[in-house]
């Protein structure tokens, strides 16, 4: 109990929780509002940006050191690959039931993530190789889903302040709660919880609640492809830029690389029309 009390009253950790709540909640809210108004393709690409790993890595760098934050990326590529597979499995198994699709995707995520964390065998290079393999598997799996809706146009409707506030609060609360639980759950379970596909699942759930199953499934492909390009770019740049450039410039360069990856996905999707 003392360790839990100490953790809850640690000023830096409370600041991290607050920053996670604000950044994660605001980003998912922004992405889902864009999807509603301007279409699921643009919303999915925005949602795929690495909003949920930016704050934890930055705070590791602040609390410990830039090198410690760099070292913390070791498992991130393979976990990111499992998150990518999470989306592909949701797309493949949700044609008739949202709940079935989401539970199936989470089931596969937990099995693979626990196996990775327990193994303790991953170097960064092996983690990258596993990520690339999972990305390829995810690509072919989602391409094989014949009934996956194409991106759906937005309605252009304006959202009430209450609706925006509810999305912000719900998504921010889920993300920050996962950070808190991961700190309290011990190294193995905590490592799995900290890597849960909270951003992806929140986007899928909010899209489903907003406009139904078809719209929720239509956002998966741009969300997945954006994540493949932007999250991987962010992780790799942080790995090498934090020790070399420090937290400020390292974060800035990583954000620019991530946005460039997402922009490339958007331009390629426009050309493929």
Protein backbone atom coordinates (compact mmCIF):
# COMPACT_ATOMS: atom_id res chain seq x y z
CA UNK A 1 0.00 0.00 0.00
CA UNK A 2 2.86 2.39 0.82
CA UNK A 3 4.36 1.98 -2.64
CA UNK A 4 0.97 2.68 -4.24
CA UNK A 5 0.49 5.81 -2.10
CA UNK A 6 4.02 6.98 -2.90
CA UNK A 7 3.39 6.44 -6.63
CA UNK A 8 0.10 8.33 -6.61
CA UNK A 9 1.65 11.32 -4.87
CA UNK A 10 4.77 11.48 -6.98
CA UNK A 11 4.55 14.90 -8.62
CA UNK A 12 6.23 13.91 -11.86
CA UNK A 13 4.07 10.86 -12.26
CA UNK A 14 0.93 12.90 -11.62
CA UNK A 15 2.13 15.35 -14.25
CA UNK A 16 2.67 12.46 -16.66
CA UNK A 17 -0.86 11.19 -16.01
CA UNK A 18 -2.28 14.66 -16.62
CA UNK A 19 -0.28 15.11 -19.82
CA UNK A 20 -1.32 11.66 -21.04
CA UNK A 21 -4.97 12.44 -20.31
CA UNK A 22 -4.85 15.77 -22.15
CA UNK A 23 -2.72 14.79 -25.16
CA UNK A 24 -4.28 11.37 -25.72
CA UNK A 25 -7.84 12.56 -25.15
CA UNK A 26 -7.44 15.63 -27.34
CA UNK A 27 -5.80 13.73 -30.19
CA UNK A 28 -8.35 10.93 -30.37
CA UNK A 29 -11.19 13.45 -30.07
CA UNK A 30 -9.71 15.56 -32.87
CA UNK A 31 -9.19 12.53 -35.13
CA UNK A 32 -12.71 11.18 -34.63
CA UNK A 33 -14.30 14.61 -35.17
CA UNK A 34 -12.30 14.98 -38.39
CA UNK A 35 -13.45 11.51 -39.45
CA UNK A 36 -17.09 12.44 -38.82
CA UNK A 37 -16.86 15.76 -40.64
CA UNK A 38 -14.32 15.12 -43.42
CA UNK A 39 -14.32 11.33 -43.87
CA UNK A 40 -12.87 8.17 -42.39
CA UNK A 41 -9.70 8.24 -44.52
CA UNK A 42 -8.36 11.54 -43.18
CA UNK A 43 -9.59 10.79 -39.68
CA UNK A 44 -7.90 7.38 -39.70
CA UNK A 45 -4.60 8.82 -40.90
CA UNK A 46 -4.62 11.46 -38.16
CA UNK A 47 -5.56 8.89 -35.51
CA UNK A 48 -2.63 6.72 -36.61
CA UNK A 49 -0.06 9.28 -35.46
CA UNK A 50 1.88 8.26 -32.30
CA UNK A 51 -0.05 10.32 -29.74
CA UNK A 52 -0.10 7.61 -27.06
CA UNK A 53 3.67 6.90 -27.02
CA UNK A 54 4.91 10.49 -27.24
CA UNK A 55 4.18 11.41 -23.62
CA UNK A 56 5.51 8.20 -21.96
CA UNK A 57 8.81 8.34 -23.86
CA UNK A 58 9.22 12.04 -23.15
CA UNK A 59 8.65 11.54 -19.43
CA UNK A 60 11.09 8.64 -19.27
CA UNK A 61 13.61 11.04 -20.74
CA UNK A 62 12.73 13.75 -18.20
CA UNK A 63 12.61 11.51 -15.13
CA UNK A 64 15.59 9.30 -16.01
CA UNK A 65 17.60 10.34 -19.08
CA UNK A 66 17.38 10.59 -22.87
CA UNK A 67 19.37 7.35 -23.08
CA UNK A 68 16.84 5.59 -20.83
CA UNK A 69 14.02 6.74 -23.13
CA UNK A 70 16.00 5.47 -26.10
CA UNK A 71 16.47 2.10 -24.38
CA UNK A 72 12.71 1.97 -23.64
CA UNK A 73 12.02 1.69 -27.37
CA UNK A 74 13.53 -1.82 -27.56
CA UNK A 75 10.21 -3.68 -27.53
CA UNK A 76 8.15 -0.91 -29.11
CA UNK A 77 8.52 -2.01 -32.76
CA UNK A 78 7.26 -5.56 -32.13
CA UNK A 79 4.44 -4.29 -29.91
CA UNK A 80 3.56 -1.76 -32.60
CA UNK A 81 3.44 -4.66 -35.06
CA UNK A 82 1.03 -6.50 -32.77
CA UNK A 83 -1.09 -3.34 -32.59
CA UNK A 84 -1.14 -3.30 -36.38
CA UNK A 85 -2.28 -6.92 -36.41
CA UNK A 86 -4.96 -5.95 -33.86
CA UNK A 87 -6.55 -3.66 -36.46
CA UNK A 88 -6.32 -6.21 -39.27
CA UNK A 89 -7.96 -8.88 -37.11
CA UNK A 90 -10.71 -6.47 -36.06
CA UNK A 91 -11.38 -5.73 -39.75
CA UNK A 92 -11.45 -9.43 -40.63
CA UNK A 93 -13.68 -10.57 -37.76
CA UNK A 94 -16.16 -7.71 -37.32
CA UNK A 95 -18.25 -8.02 -40.47
CA UNK A 96 -21.32 -9.14 -38.53
CA UNK A 97 -20.55 -8.16 -34.96
CA UNK A 98 -18.60 -5.23 -33.55
CA UNK A 99 -18.21 -6.95 -30.17
CA UNK A 100 -16.91 -10.17 -31.70
CA UNK A 101 -14.38 -8.29 -33.80
CA UNK A 102 -13.07 -6.21 -30.91
CA UNK A 103 -12.82 -9.14 -28.47
CA UNK A 104 -11.10 -11.34 -31.04
CA UNK A 105 -8.55 -8.61 -31.79
CA UNK A 106 -7.85 -8.04 -28.08
CA UNK A 107 -7.51 -11.78 -27.50
CA UNK A 108 -4.82 -12.12 -30.15
CA UNK A 109 -3.08 -8.99 -28.85
CA UNK A 110 -2.85 -10.31 -25.28
CA UNK A 111 -1.51 -13.72 -26.35
CA UNK A 112 1.21 -12.24 -28.56
CA UNK A 113 2.13 -9.35 -26.23
CA UNK A 114 2.47 -11.59 -23.17
CA UNK A 115 4.65 -13.99 -25.17
CA UNK A 116 6.93 -11.11 -26.24
CA UNK A 117 7.25 -9.63 -22.74
CA UNK A 118 7.86 -12.99 -21.05
CA UNK A 119 10.42 -14.13 -23.62
CA UNK A 120 12.85 -11.32 -22.82
CA UNK A 121 14.71 -12.29 -25.97
CA UNK A 122 14.17 -9.22 -28.12
CA UNK A 123 16.94 -6.85 -29.09
CA UNK A 124 15.92 -3.68 -30.93
CA UNK A 125 17.04 -5.19 -34.24
CA UNK A 126 15.00 -8.36 -33.66
CA UNK A 127 12.07 -6.21 -32.56
CA UNK A 128 12.25 -4.28 -35.85
CA UNK A 129 12.42 -7.51 -37.84
CA UNK A 130 9.35 -8.83 -36.01
CA UNK A 131 7.56 -5.54 -36.65
CA UNK A 132 8.23 -5.75 -40.39
CA UNK A 133 6.98 -9.36 -40.48
CA UNK A 134 3.81 -8.46 -38.57
CA UNK A 135 3.22 -5.44 -40.81
CA UNK A 136 3.42 -7.65 -43.90
CA UNK A 137 1.05 -10.22 -42.38
CA UNK A 138 -1.36 -7.43 -41.39
CA UNK A 139 -1.23 -5.92 -44.88
CA UNK A 140 -2.12 -9.16 -46.64
CA UNK A 141 -4.77 -10.00 -44.04
CA UNK A 142 -6.58 -6.69 -44.40
CA UNK A 143 -6.27 -6.81 -48.19
CA UNK A 144 -7.99 -10.21 -48.11
CA UNK A 145 -11.07 -8.83 -46.34
CA UNK A 146 -13.48 -8.56 -49.28
CA UNK A 147 -16.33 -6.86 -47.42
CA UNK A 148 -14.23 -4.10 -45.82
CA UNK A 149 -15.91 -0.77 -46.67
CA UNK A 150 -13.96 1.85 -48.58
CA UNK A 151 -13.34 5.13 -46.73
CA UNK A 152 -16.67 6.86 -46.12
CA UNK A 153 -17.18 10.57 -46.69
CA UNK A 154 -17.82 12.88 -43.80
CA UNK A 155 -21.18 14.41 -42.99
CA UNK A 156 -19.87 17.90 -42.35
CA UNK A 157 -21.98 18.08 -39.21
CA UNK A 158 -20.98 20.20 -36.25
CA UNK A 159 -20.47 18.48 -32.93
CA UNK A 160 -21.89 19.87 -29.73
CA UNK A 161 -19.55 20.91 -26.94
CA UNK A 162 -21.05 18.15 -24.82
CA UNK A 163 -20.26 15.48 -27.41
CA UNK A 164 -16.69 16.72 -27.87
CA UNK A 165 -16.22 16.90 -24.10
CA UNK A 166 -17.55 13.36 -23.64
CA UNK A 167 -15.15 11.98 -26.26
CA UNK A 168 -12.22 13.87 -24.75
CA UNK A 169 -12.98 12.74 -21.20
CA UNK A 170 -13.66 9.10 -22.10
CA UNK A 171 -10.60 8.60 -24.30
CA UNK A 172 -8.29 10.57 -21.99
CA UNK A 173 -9.52 8.62 -18.97
CA UNK A 174 -8.97 5.24 -20.65
CA UNK A 175 -5.44 6.15 -21.77
CA UNK A 176 -4.33 7.62 -18.44
CA UNK A 177 -5.93 4.71 -16.53
CA UNK A 178 -3.88 2.27 -18.61
CA UNK A 179 -0.71 4.20 -17.69
CA UNK A 180 -1.61 4.09 -13.99
CA UNK A 181 -2.49 0.39 -13.98
CA UNK A 182 0.68 -0.48 -15.90
CA UNK A 183 2.73 1.19 -13.14
CA UNK A 184 0.98 -0.81 -10.42
CA UNK A 185 0.73 -4.21 -12.12
CA UNK A 186 4.34 -5.36 -12.02
CA UNK A 187 6.91 -5.71 -14.80
CA UNK A 188 5.26 -8.40 -16.95
CA UNK A 189 1.59 -7.49 -16.79
CA UNK A 190 2.48 -3.80 -16.56
CA UNK A 191 4.52 -4.04 -19.73
CA UNK A 192 1.59 -5.59 -21.59
CA UNK A 193 -0.94 -3.07 -20.26
CA UNK A 194 1.29 -0.11 -21.15
CA UNK A 195 1.33 -1.31 -24.77
CA UNK A 196 -2.41 -1.92 -25.12
CA UNK A 197 -3.83 -0.60 -28.41
CA UNK A 198 -5.73 2.10 -26.51
CA UNK A 199 -5.55 4.72 -29.26
CA UNK A 200 -6.59 2.31 -31.99
CA UNK A 201 -9.40 0.70 -30.00
CA UNK A 202 -10.71 4.08 -28.76
CA UNK A 203 -10.87 5.36 -32.34
CA UNK A 204 -12.69 2.23 -33.49
CA UNK A 205 -15.16 2.35 -30.58
CA UNK A 206 -15.94 6.07 -30.93
CA UNK A 207 -16.40 5.66 -34.70
CA UNK A 208 -18.79 2.78 -34.08
CA UNK A 209 -20.78 4.73 -31.50
CA UNK A 210 -20.88 7.75 -33.76
CA UNK A 211 -21.90 6.27 -37.13
CA UNK A 212 -22.17 2.50 -36.84
CA UNK A 213 -20.27 -0.65 -37.75
CA UNK A 214 -19.66 0.15 -41.41
CA UNK A 215 -18.05 3.50 -40.59
CA UNK A 216 -15.97 1.93 -37.82
CA UNK A 217 -14.64 -0.70 -40.23
CA UNK A 218 -13.99 1.88 -42.95
CA UNK A 219 -11.56 3.77 -40.73
CA UNK A 220 -9.40 0.70 -40.05
CA UNK A 221 -7.32 0.61 -43.23
CA UNK A 222 -6.17 4.28 -43.19
CA UNK A 223 -5.63 4.01 -39.44
CA UNK A 224 -3.50 0.91 -39.87
CA UNK A 225 -1.44 2.21 -42.80
CA UNK A 226 -0.84 5.53 -41.05
CA UNK A 227 0.33 3.71 -37.95
CA UNK A 228 2.66 1.48 -39.96
CA UNK A 229 4.42 4.53 -41.41
CA UNK A 230 4.21 7.14 -38.65
CA UNK A 231 4.58 5.16 -35.41
CA UNK A 232 7.53 3.16 -36.73
CA UNK A 233 9.23 6.37 -37.90
CA UNK A 234 8.69 7.96 -34.49
CA UNK A 235 10.13 5.00 -32.58
CA UNK A 236 13.22 4.69 -34.77
CA UNK A 237 13.99 8.42 -34.65
CA UNK A 238 13.57 8.54 -30.85
CA UNK A 239 15.87 5.53 -30.53
CA UNK A 240 18.77 7.37 -32.15
CA UNK A 241 17.89 11.07 -31.83
CA UNK A 242 17.27 11.25 -28.07
CA UNK A 243 20.86 10.35 -27.08
CA UNK A 244 22.32 12.45 -29.90
CA UNK A 245 20.07 15.53 -29.88
CA UNK A 246 18.41 15.54 -26.47
CA UNK A 247 14.72 15.51 -25.59
CA UNK A 248 13.58 18.76 -27.22
CA UNK A 249 15.19 18.40 -30.62
CA UNK A 250 14.83 14.62 -30.58
CA UNK A 251 11.07 14.89 -30.00
CA UNK A 252 10.73 17.58 -32.68
CA UNK A 253 12.61 15.54 -35.28
CA UNK A 254 10.63 12.40 -34.36
CA UNK A 255 7.32 14.29 -34.70
CA UNK A 256 8.35 15.63 -38.12
CA UNK A 257 9.33 12.13 -39.27
CA UNK A 258 6.00 10.78 -38.03
CA UNK A 259 3.97 13.46 -39.81
CA UNK A 260 5.99 12.88 -42.98
CA UNK A 261 5.14 9.17 -42.82
CA UNK A 262 1.43 9.90 -42.37
CA UNK A 263 1.50 12.47 -45.20
CA UNK A 264 3.11 9.89 -47.49
CA UNK A 265 0.30 7.44 -46.71
CA UNK A 266 -2.28 10.13 -47.52
CA UNK A 267 -0.62 11.08 -50.83
CA UNK A 268 -0.32 7.44 -51.87
CA UNK A 269 -3.97 6.83 -51.05
CA UNK A 270 -4.96 9.85 -53.14
CA UNK A 271 -2.94 8.61 -56.12
CA UNK A 272 -4.48 5.15 -55.90
CA UNK A 273 -8.02 6.47 -56.43
